[in-house]
Amino acid sequence: MLKKWGVFFGLSIVCLMLFSVQAQAAISYTCYWDVINSSCNCSGPVNIVPGPGPQRGVVEVDMTNYTTLTVDVEFKTPQGYVLNIGDSETNNGHGGDAGTTSNDAELDIIAPIIAPPYPDFDDETKVLPAYLLNIPLRVFPNDFSYPEHPRPMLQVDNFLKPQGKTSAKFIIKAKYVNSTNNSQNATLQSAYLLRLENVDLERPGGMNDKKWWIGVNRVICDPYGVRVGQGVTWIKFTLN
């Protein structure tokens, strides 16, 4: 009898372990978007709305069942509004949004458009000014940060190469952002960063406030189609 009970408990432990592994797998979601080749396998919690034009769009990420969003991005020769990750569906770069919500923290990467005629171009050395070669990553806090905190709260200069390829990873949680590229690593923690709590009284009752948005080769909200750019070639989303 004792032997049978031992076998029973052993099988029970194995079943519990298998269930635990399956449960962990169930709460993780990964998909990719090959921006250049218009290939994508995203669905469910990651919804992509393409446009304006080819090779850009807005990604709606439903974080209801998740706590961490990891975004792996491949960039090549970026120009204009390259990447925008925010807490508000009306984030539009440079900090803030169109006034729809106070939970409007955002991250942006905006590259100078390097095209002739070049301002401040030195004809003798044929060297572009440094400000045209600097492509920074900026992280802006939400409206609740006024007036104590700087805007942006974080700026990482030369985050992208103006020419050639850069690989970058962004790990985002409530009140936390970590950004890495080929040679830099920056982390920011603050109560004024992207949130997942339903605490925004400006939203209609019952609206899901556990969504984040990503503008790819554009800002998140751009009704006139002018804050656009290029440079993101491939992007992977991982939700945990």
Protein backbone atom coordinates (compact mmCIF):
# COMPACT_ATOMS: atom_id res chain seq x y z
CA MET A 1 0.00 0.00 0.00
CA LEU A 2 2.79 2.44 0.94
CA LYS A 3 4.47 1.72 -2.37
CA LYS A 4 1.26 2.52 -4.25
CA TRP A 5 0.85 5.78 -2.36
CA GLY A 6 4.45 6.66 -3.19
CA VAL A 7 3.80 6.08 -6.87
CA PHE A 8 0.61 8.17 -6.61
CA PHE A 9 2.36 11.11 -4.95
CA GLY A 10 5.24 10.85 -7.40
CA LEU A 11 2.88 11.06 -10.35
CA SER A 12 1.04 13.92 -8.67
CA ILE A 13 4.27 15.91 -8.32
CA VAL A 14 5.15 15.25 -11.97
CA CYS A 15 1.67 16.37 -13.06
CA LEU A 16 1.95 19.52 -10.97
CA MET A 17 5.34 20.29 -12.48
CA LEU A 18 3.99 19.79 -16.00
CA PHE A 19 1.00 22.00 -15.20
CA SER A 20 3.33 24.68 -13.86
CA VAL A 21 5.43 24.62 -17.06
CA GLN A 22 2.29 24.79 -19.20
CA ALA A 23 0.94 27.68 -17.12
CA GLN A 24 4.20 29.59 -17.55
CA ALA A 25 4.12 28.99 -21.31
CA ALA A 26 0.52 30.18 -21.44
CA ILE A 27 1.36 33.57 -19.95
CA SER A 28 4.07 34.36 -22.48
CA TYR A 29 3.36 35.65 -26.00
CA THR A 30 5.85 36.42 -28.79
CA CYS A 31 5.38 37.65 -32.35
CA TYR A 32 7.35 39.56 -34.97
CA TRP A 33 6.83 42.12 -37.71
CA ASP A 34 9.23 42.14 -40.67
CA VAL A 35 8.57 45.75 -41.62
CA ILE A 36 10.57 45.76 -44.86
CA ASN A 37 9.02 42.58 -46.27
CA SER A 38 5.51 43.21 -44.89
CA SER A 39 5.50 39.90 -43.02
CA CYS A 40 3.88 39.56 -39.61
CA ASN A 41 2.51 36.84 -37.33
CA CYS A 42 1.03 39.05 -34.60
CA SER A 43 -2.53 38.70 -33.33
CA GLY A 44 -4.40 38.58 -30.03
CA PRO A 45 -2.74 40.97 -27.56
CA VAL A 46 -0.60 42.58 -30.29
CA ASN A 47 -2.64 44.34 -32.96
CA ILE A 48 -0.92 46.18 -35.82
CA VAL A 49 -2.67 48.92 -37.79
CA PRO A 50 -0.49 49.71 -40.85
CA GLY A 51 0.04 53.12 -42.44
CA PRO A 52 0.22 55.80 -43.51
CA GLY A 53 2.00 54.36 -46.51
CA PRO A 54 4.16 51.25 -46.50
CA GLN A 55 6.62 50.12 -43.81
CA ARG A 56 5.03 51.92 -40.86
CA GLY A 57 2.11 51.56 -38.50
CA VAL A 58 0.78 51.68 -34.94
CA VAL A 59 0.91 48.66 -32.65
CA GLU A 60 -1.68 48.29 -29.88
CA VAL A 61 -0.41 46.06 -27.06
CA ASP A 62 -2.95 44.75 -24.56
CA MET A 63 -1.06 44.14 -21.29
CA THR A 64 -4.12 42.92 -19.35
CA ASN A 65 -2.59 39.49 -18.69
CA TYR A 66 1.05 40.55 -18.68
CA THR A 67 3.51 42.66 -16.68
CA THR A 68 6.53 42.97 -18.98
CA LEU A 69 6.84 44.06 -22.61
CA THR A 70 10.15 43.39 -24.38
CA VAL A 71 10.64 44.98 -27.79
CA ASP A 72 13.60 43.92 -29.94
CA VAL A 73 14.20 46.26 -32.87
CA GLU A 74 16.51 46.31 -35.89
CA PHE A 75 17.22 49.77 -37.29
CA LYS A 76 18.94 50.83 -40.50
CA THR A 77 19.79 54.41 -41.55
CA PRO A 78 17.00 56.08 -39.53
CA GLN A 79 15.44 59.40 -40.48
CA GLY A 80 12.51 61.33 -39.05
CA TYR A 81 10.14 59.87 -36.45
CA VAL A 82 11.49 56.37 -36.04
CA LEU A 83 9.99 54.90 -32.84
CA ASN A 84 7.42 56.02 -30.27
CA ILE A 85 6.31 53.85 -27.32
CA GLY A 86 3.66 55.31 -25.05
CA ASP A 87 0.96 54.96 -22.43
CA SER A 88 -1.62 56.98 -24.37
CA GLU A 89 -3.22 56.35 -27.74
CA THR A 90 -2.64 60.03 -28.52
CA ASN A 91 1.09 60.20 -27.70
CA ASN A 92 2.82 62.07 -30.52
CA GLY A 93 6.47 62.44 -29.58
CA HIS A 94 8.35 65.13 -27.64
CA GLY A 95 6.49 64.36 -24.38
CA GLY A 96 2.77 64.59 -23.67
CA ASP A 97 -0.16 63.85 -25.96
CA ALA A 98 -3.27 65.51 -27.33
CA GLY A 99 -4.67 66.07 -23.84
CA THR A 100 -6.79 62.92 -23.69
CA THR A 101 -5.15 61.49 -20.56
CA SER A 102 -2.62 62.34 -17.87
CA ASN A 103 -1.10 58.86 -18.16
CA ASP A 104 0.90 59.90 -21.21
CA ALA A 105 4.50 58.87 -20.53
CA GLU A 106 6.36 58.01 -23.71
CA LEU A 107 9.65 57.04 -25.28
CA ASP A 108 10.72 58.44 -28.64
CA ILE A 109 13.56 58.25 -31.14
CA ILE A 110 13.64 61.06 -33.69
CA ALA A 111 16.45 61.19 -36.25
CA PRO A 112 17.48 64.32 -38.15
CA ILE A 113 16.56 64.12 -41.81
CA ILE A 114 19.95 64.22 -43.53
CA ALA A 115 19.29 65.47 -47.05
CA PRO A 116 20.67 68.36 -49.07
CA PRO A 117 20.90 71.25 -48.69
CA TYR A 118 22.73 70.50 -45.43
CA PRO A 119 22.48 73.25 -42.81
CA ASP A 120 25.84 74.31 -41.32
CA PHE A 121 27.70 72.04 -43.73
CA ASP A 122 31.43 72.72 -43.82
CA ASP A 123 32.41 72.82 -47.51
CA GLU A 124 36.10 72.52 -46.71
CA THR A 125 36.03 69.48 -44.41
CA LYS A 126 32.86 67.94 -45.89
CA VAL A 127 31.78 67.10 -42.33
CA LEU A 128 28.21 67.34 -41.11
CA PRO A 129 27.61 69.13 -37.80
CA ALA A 130 27.43 66.88 -34.73
CA TYR A 131 23.77 67.64 -34.04
CA LEU A 132 22.81 66.07 -37.37
CA LEU A 133 24.62 62.86 -36.44
CA ASN A 134 23.18 62.50 -32.92
CA ILE A 135 20.08 60.28 -32.74
CA PRO A 136 19.06 60.17 -29.08
CA LEU A 137 16.65 57.99 -27.16
CA ARG A 138 14.39 60.10 -24.94
CA VAL A 139 12.02 59.02 -22.16
CA PHE A 140 9.35 61.49 -21.02
CA PRO A 141 7.31 61.26 -17.79
CA ASN A 142 3.54 61.66 -17.60
CA ASP A 143 1.60 64.79 -16.63
CA PHE A 144 1.72 63.98 -12.92
CA SER A 145 5.46 64.75 -12.93
CA TYR A 146 5.01 68.53 -13.22
CA PRO A 147 6.84 70.63 -12.15
CA GLU A 148 9.43 68.68 -10.17
CA HIS A 149 10.94 66.46 -12.84
CA PRO A 150 12.90 67.26 -16.02
CA ARG A 151 11.59 66.56 -19.48
CA PRO A 152 12.91 64.27 -20.76
CA MET A 153 13.74 62.32 -17.61
CA LEU A 154 16.26 60.28 -19.59
CA GLN A 155 18.20 61.04 -22.76
CA VAL A 156 20.75 58.65 -24.24
CA ASP A 157 22.70 60.43 -26.96
CA ASN A 158 23.92 58.60 -30.07
CA PHE A 159 21.56 55.72 -29.36
CA LEU A 160 21.24 54.91 -33.07
CA LYS A 161 23.86 55.07 -35.80
CA PRO A 162 22.95 57.63 -38.49
CA GLN A 163 24.22 55.20 -41.12
CA GLY A 164 24.20 51.42 -41.10
CA LYS A 165 22.48 49.06 -38.67
CA THR A 166 21.73 49.23 -34.95
CA SER A 167 20.13 46.52 -32.81
CA ALA A 168 18.24 47.61 -29.70
CA LYS A 169 16.13 46.10 -26.95
CA PHE A 170 13.53 47.82 -24.77
CA ILE A 171 12.22 46.18 -21.59
CA ILE A 172 9.19 48.00 -20.24
CA LYS A 173 7.24 47.38 -17.05
CA ALA A 174 4.97 49.61 -15.01
CA LYS A 175 7.18 52.49 -13.88
CA TYR A 176 10.31 50.96 -15.42
CA VAL A 177 12.22 51.25 -18.73
CA ASN A 178 15.47 49.54 -19.71
CA SER A 179 17.04 50.28 -23.09
CA THR A 180 20.10 48.67 -24.64
CA ASN A 181 21.83 48.90 -28.00
CA ASN A 182 25.11 47.61 -29.37
CA SER A 183 27.15 49.50 -26.75
CA GLN A 184 24.86 51.30 -24.29
CA ASN A 185 22.58 50.27 -21.42
CA ALA A 186 20.26 52.68 -19.60
CA THR A 187 17.61 52.05 -16.95
CA LEU A 188 15.03 54.42 -15.51
CA GLN A 189 12.57 53.75 -12.70
CA SER A 190 9.92 56.29 -11.78
CA ALA A 191 6.29 56.47 -10.68
CA TYR A 192 5.77 58.78 -13.68
CA LEU A 193 6.59 56.27 -16.42
CA LEU A 194 4.21 53.93 -18.29
CA ARG A 195 1.57 52.42 -16.02
CA LEU A 196 -0.71 49.40 -15.88
CA GLU A 197 -3.07 50.44 -13.10
CA ASN A 198 -6.61 51.61 -13.79
CA VAL A 199 -6.06 54.95 -12.09
CA ASP A 200 -6.76 57.45 -14.87
CA LEU A 201 -10.00 59.23 -14.03
CA GLU A 202 -10.01 60.98 -17.42
CA ARG A 203 -10.95 57.78 -19.21
CA PRO A 204 -14.59 56.71 -19.56
CA GLY A 205 -15.68 54.15 -16.97
CA GLY A 206 -14.82 50.59 -17.94
CA MET A 207 -12.23 51.52 -20.60
CA ASN A 208 -9.19 49.24 -20.60
CA ASP A 209 -6.28 51.31 -19.33
CA LYS A 210 -3.83 48.40 -19.53
CA LYS A 211 -2.85 49.08 -23.11
CA TRP A 212 0.37 50.49 -24.48
CA TRP A 213 0.99 51.75 -28.01
CA ILE A 214 3.99 51.71 -30.33
CA GLY A 215 4.48 53.92 -33.35
CA VAL A 216 6.78 52.24 -35.88
CA ASN A 217 8.38 54.70 -38.33
CA ARG A 218 5.84 57.23 -37.08
CA VAL A 219 4.43 58.60 -33.84
CA ILE A 220 1.49 56.87 -32.19
CA CYS A 221 -1.09 59.55 -32.98
CA ASP A 222 -0.65 61.51 -36.19
CA PRO A 223 -3.96 62.52 -37.78
CA TYR A 224 -2.21 64.58 -40.47
CA GLY A 225 0.43 62.01 -41.42
CA VAL A 226 3.37 64.38 -40.97
CA ARG A 227 5.26 62.89 -38.01
CA VAL A 228 6.58 59.91 -39.91
CA GLY A 229 9.97 58.48 -40.68
CA GLN A 230 11.94 55.40 -41.62
CA GLY A 231 14.57 53.14 -40.12
CA VAL A 232 12.81 50.33 -38.27
CA THR A 233 13.28 47.24 -40.45
CA TRP A 234 12.26 44.40 -38.10
CA ILE A 235 10.63 44.25 -34.66
CA LYS A 236 9.74 41.50 -32.18
CA PHE A 237 7.29 41.77 -29.30
CA THR A 238 7.47 39.54 -26.22
CA LEU A 239 4.84 39.75 -23.48
CA ASN A 240 5.38 38.11 -20.11
